[in-house]
Structure formats: structure tokens, C-alpha cells
Amino acid sequence: MICEISKKILNEVYGGDTKESREKAIKDGYFMEWTKERIKNAFKAGNGTEKDLKRYMNDNKQYCVFVEI
């Protein structure tokens, strides 16, 4: 599972993007969860793959951090 966390939330709520702030954000529920089912449904009209998620992650890395759990 991969958690997507907004860099804006990390900066405004937790004072920056650190390992500790990421852990706190996940503990507090400030993340979007990427599971295999969600990946499949989110891309290519229900036929998404991990490759699609990797492209999405690359395209959005300036806005979010992605943490694998």
C-alpha cells in the first residue's frame, strides 16, 4: 500500500516534510491510500496498473509525497 500525503498539509500542519511529520500525518489520517483495487479503478477506465500509478506519482511529486507501507 502507498500513502499519498499533501506537501501543503505537511508544511502547514506539521511544520515541514520530515520522516516524523509524515508518520504523524499518516497516524492522524491526512493521507490518501493507494491499494491495488484503487489503482485499477483510478486509471484507464478500470484497467489501471502500477505503471499508471508511477506516472501519476512522478507527475505530482511537487505537490505530494508518497510513502510505501
N, C-alpha and C. Protein backbone atom coordinates (compact mmCIF):
# COMPACT_ATOMS: atom_id res chain seq x y z
N MET A 1 0.84 -1.18 0.00
CA MET A 1 0.00 0.00 0.00
C MET A 1 0.89 1.24 0.00
N ILE A 2 0.44 2.23 -0.71
CA ILE A 2 1.15 3.51 -0.79
C ILE A 2 0.23 4.60 -0.27
N CYS A 3 0.79 5.48 0.57
CA CYS A 3 0.05 6.61 1.10
C CYS A 3 0.51 7.88 0.39
N GLU A 4 -0.43 8.67 -0.05
CA GLU A 4 -0.15 9.95 -0.69
C GLU A 4 -0.48 11.06 0.32
N ILE A 5 0.52 11.91 0.61
CA ILE A 5 0.34 12.97 1.59
C ILE A 5 0.65 14.30 0.92
N SER A 6 -0.22 15.26 1.11
CA SER A 6 -0.04 16.60 0.55
C SER A 6 1.13 17.31 1.22
N LYS A 7 2.01 17.89 0.41
CA LYS A 7 3.12 18.67 0.97
C LYS A 7 2.60 19.91 1.68
N LYS A 8 1.48 20.45 1.20
CA LYS A 8 0.87 21.61 1.84
C LYS A 8 0.46 21.27 3.27
N ILE A 9 -0.18 20.13 3.46
CA ILE A 9 -0.57 19.68 4.81
C ILE A 9 0.67 19.49 5.68
N LEU A 10 1.69 18.85 5.13
CA LEU A 10 2.91 18.63 5.91
C LEU A 10 3.52 19.96 6.37
N ASN A 11 3.53 20.95 5.49
CA ASN A 11 4.11 22.24 5.85
C ASN A 11 3.23 23.03 6.81
N GLU A 12 1.93 23.09 6.55
CA GLU A 12 1.03 23.92 7.36
C GLU A 12 0.68 23.30 8.71
N VAL A 13 0.47 22.00 8.74
CA VAL A 13 0.02 21.35 9.97
C VAL A 13 1.20 20.82 10.80
N TYR A 14 2.22 20.30 10.12
CA TYR A 14 3.30 19.61 10.82
C TYR A 14 4.65 20.34 10.76
N GLY A 15 4.70 21.50 10.14
CA GLY A 15 5.91 22.30 10.14
C GLY A 15 7.00 21.87 9.19
N GLY A 16 6.68 21.04 8.22
CA GLY A 16 7.68 20.66 7.23
C GLY A 16 7.59 19.20 6.85
N ASP A 17 8.35 18.83 5.85
CA ASP A 17 8.35 17.47 5.32
C ASP A 17 9.52 16.70 5.91
N THR A 18 9.27 16.03 7.03
CA THR A 18 10.28 15.19 7.66
C THR A 18 9.69 13.80 7.85
N LYS A 19 10.53 12.86 8.18
CA LYS A 19 10.05 11.50 8.43
C LYS A 19 9.01 11.50 9.55
N GLU A 20 9.28 12.28 10.60
CA GLU A 20 8.36 12.34 11.73
C GLU A 20 7.01 12.96 11.34
N SER A 21 7.05 14.02 10.53
CA SER A 21 5.80 14.66 10.12
C SER A 21 4.99 13.73 9.22
N ARG A 22 5.66 12.97 8.38
CA ARG A 22 4.95 12.01 7.54
C ARG A 22 4.27 10.95 8.39
N GLU A 23 4.98 10.45 9.40
CA GLU A 23 4.40 9.44 10.29
C GLU A 23 3.20 9.99 11.05
N LYS A 24 3.31 11.23 11.53
CA LYS A 24 2.19 11.85 12.24
C LYS A 24 1.00 12.07 11.32
N ALA A 25 1.26 12.50 10.09
CA ALA A 25 0.17 12.73 9.13
C ALA A 25 -0.57 11.42 8.85
N ILE A 26 0.17 10.35 8.70
CA ILE A 26 -0.47 9.04 8.46
C ILE A 26 -1.27 8.62 9.68
N LYS A 27 -0.68 8.78 10.86
CA LYS A 27 -1.37 8.42 12.10
C LYS A 27 -2.66 9.22 12.26
N ASP A 28 -2.61 10.51 11.87
CA ASP A 28 -3.78 11.39 12.00
C ASP A 28 -4.78 11.25 10.85
N GLY A 29 -4.45 10.46 9.84
CA GLY A 29 -5.38 10.22 8.74
C GLY A 29 -5.31 11.22 7.60
N TYR A 30 -4.24 12.02 7.54
CA TYR A 30 -4.08 13.00 6.46
C TYR A 30 -3.37 12.38 5.26
N PHE A 31 -3.96 11.39 4.68
CA PHE A 31 -3.37 10.74 3.52
C PHE A 31 -4.45 10.10 2.66
N MET A 32 -4.07 9.81 1.43
CA MET A 32 -4.93 9.07 0.53
C MET A 32 -4.26 7.72 0.29
N GLU A 33 -5.01 6.68 0.43
CA GLU A 33 -4.49 5.33 0.35
C GLU A 33 -4.58 4.78 -1.08
N TRP A 34 -3.45 4.27 -1.58
CA TRP A 34 -3.43 3.65 -2.90
C TRP A 34 -3.26 2.14 -2.72
N THR A 35 -4.35 1.41 -2.95
CA THR A 35 -4.32 -0.05 -2.90
C THR A 35 -4.40 -0.57 -4.34
N LYS A 36 -4.20 -1.86 -4.52
CA LYS A 36 -4.27 -2.44 -5.87
C LYS A 36 -5.64 -2.19 -6.50
N GLU A 37 -6.69 -2.31 -5.71
CA GLU A 37 -8.04 -2.09 -6.23
C GLU A 37 -8.25 -0.64 -6.64
N ARG A 38 -7.78 0.28 -5.82
CA ARG A 38 -7.93 1.70 -6.15
C ARG A 38 -7.14 2.06 -7.40
N ILE A 39 -5.92 1.53 -7.52
CA ILE A 39 -5.10 1.78 -8.71
C ILE A 39 -5.83 1.31 -9.96
N LYS A 40 -6.37 0.11 -9.89
CA LYS A 40 -7.08 -0.45 -11.04
C LYS A 40 -8.26 0.43 -11.44
N ASN A 41 -9.02 0.90 -10.46
CA ASN A 41 -10.21 1.69 -10.75
C ASN A 41 -9.91 3.15 -11.11
N ALA A 42 -8.75 3.65 -10.73
CA ALA A 42 -8.45 5.07 -10.92
C ALA A 42 -7.95 5.42 -12.31
N PHE A 43 -7.44 4.46 -13.04
CA PHE A 43 -6.82 4.74 -14.33
C PHE A 43 -7.40 3.85 -15.43
N LYS A 44 -7.34 4.34 -16.64
CA LYS A 44 -7.72 3.59 -17.85
C LYS A 44 -9.09 2.91 -17.73
N ALA A 45 -10.05 3.66 -17.26
CA ALA A 45 -11.44 3.18 -17.18
C ALA A 45 -11.56 1.83 -16.49
N GLY A 46 -10.88 1.69 -15.35
CA GLY A 46 -10.97 0.46 -14.57
C GLY A 46 -9.92 -0.57 -14.90
N ASN A 47 -8.94 -0.22 -15.70
CA ASN A 47 -7.88 -1.16 -16.05
C ASN A 47 -6.50 -0.60 -15.73
N GLY A 48 -6.40 0.18 -14.66
CA GLY A 48 -5.14 0.80 -14.28
C GLY A 48 -4.12 -0.20 -13.78
N THR A 49 -2.85 0.17 -13.92
CA THR A 49 -1.75 -0.68 -13.48
C THR A 49 -0.82 0.12 -12.58
N GLU A 50 0.16 -0.57 -12.00
CA GLU A 50 1.15 0.10 -11.18
C GLU A 50 1.96 1.09 -12.01
N LYS A 51 2.13 0.81 -13.27
CA LYS A 51 2.83 1.73 -14.17
C LYS A 51 2.09 3.06 -14.25
N ASP A 52 0.76 3.01 -14.30
CA ASP A 52 -0.05 4.23 -14.31
C ASP A 52 0.13 5.01 -13.02
N LEU A 53 0.17 4.30 -11.89
CA LEU A 53 0.37 4.96 -10.60
C LEU A 53 1.76 5.61 -10.55
N LYS A 54 2.76 4.94 -11.05
CA LYS A 54 4.12 5.51 -11.05
C LYS A 54 4.18 6.79 -11.88
N ARG A 55 3.49 6.81 -13.01
CA ARG A 55 3.43 8.02 -13.83
C ARG A 55 2.72 9.13 -13.05
N TYR A 56 1.61 8.79 -12.40
CA TYR A 56 0.87 9.75 -11.58
C TYR A 56 1.75 10.30 -10.46
N MET A 57 2.49 9.42 -9.80
CA MET A 57 3.38 9.84 -8.72
C MET A 57 4.45 10.81 -9.24
N ASN A 58 5.02 10.49 -10.38
CA ASN A 58 6.05 11.35 -10.97
C ASN A 58 5.46 12.72 -11.35
N ASP A 59 4.26 12.70 -11.91
CA ASP A 59 3.61 13.94 -12.34
C ASP A 59 3.21 14.83 -11.17
N ASN A 60 3.04 14.25 -9.97
CA ASN A 60 2.54 15.00 -8.82
C ASN A 60 3.54 15.12 -7.68
N LYS A 61 4.80 14.79 -7.92
CA LYS A 61 5.78 14.81 -6.84
C LYS A 61 6.06 16.20 -6.29
N GLN A 62 5.74 17.26 -7.03
CA GLN A 62 5.94 18.60 -6.49
C GLN A 62 4.83 18.98 -5.50
N TYR A 63 3.72 18.25 -5.51
CA TYR A 63 2.60 18.55 -4.64
C TYR A 63 2.42 17.57 -3.48
N CYS A 64 2.92 16.35 -3.66
CA CYS A 64 2.66 15.28 -2.69
C CYS A 64 3.92 14.46 -2.45
N VAL A 65 3.92 13.77 -1.31
CA VAL A 65 4.92 12.75 -1.06
C VAL A 65 4.20 11.41 -1.02
N PHE A 66 4.90 10.39 -1.41
CA PHE A 66 4.33 9.06 -1.46
C PHE A 66 5.15 8.16 -0.54
N VAL A 67 4.46 7.50 0.40
CA VAL A 67 5.13 6.66 1.38
C VAL A 67 4.60 5.25 1.23
N GLU A 68 5.49 4.31 1.04
CA GLU A 68 5.08 2.89 0.94
C GLU A 68 5.03 2.29 2.33
N ILE A 69 3.92 1.64 2.61
CA ILE A 69 3.73 0.99 3.92
C ILE A 69 3.66 -0.51 3.72
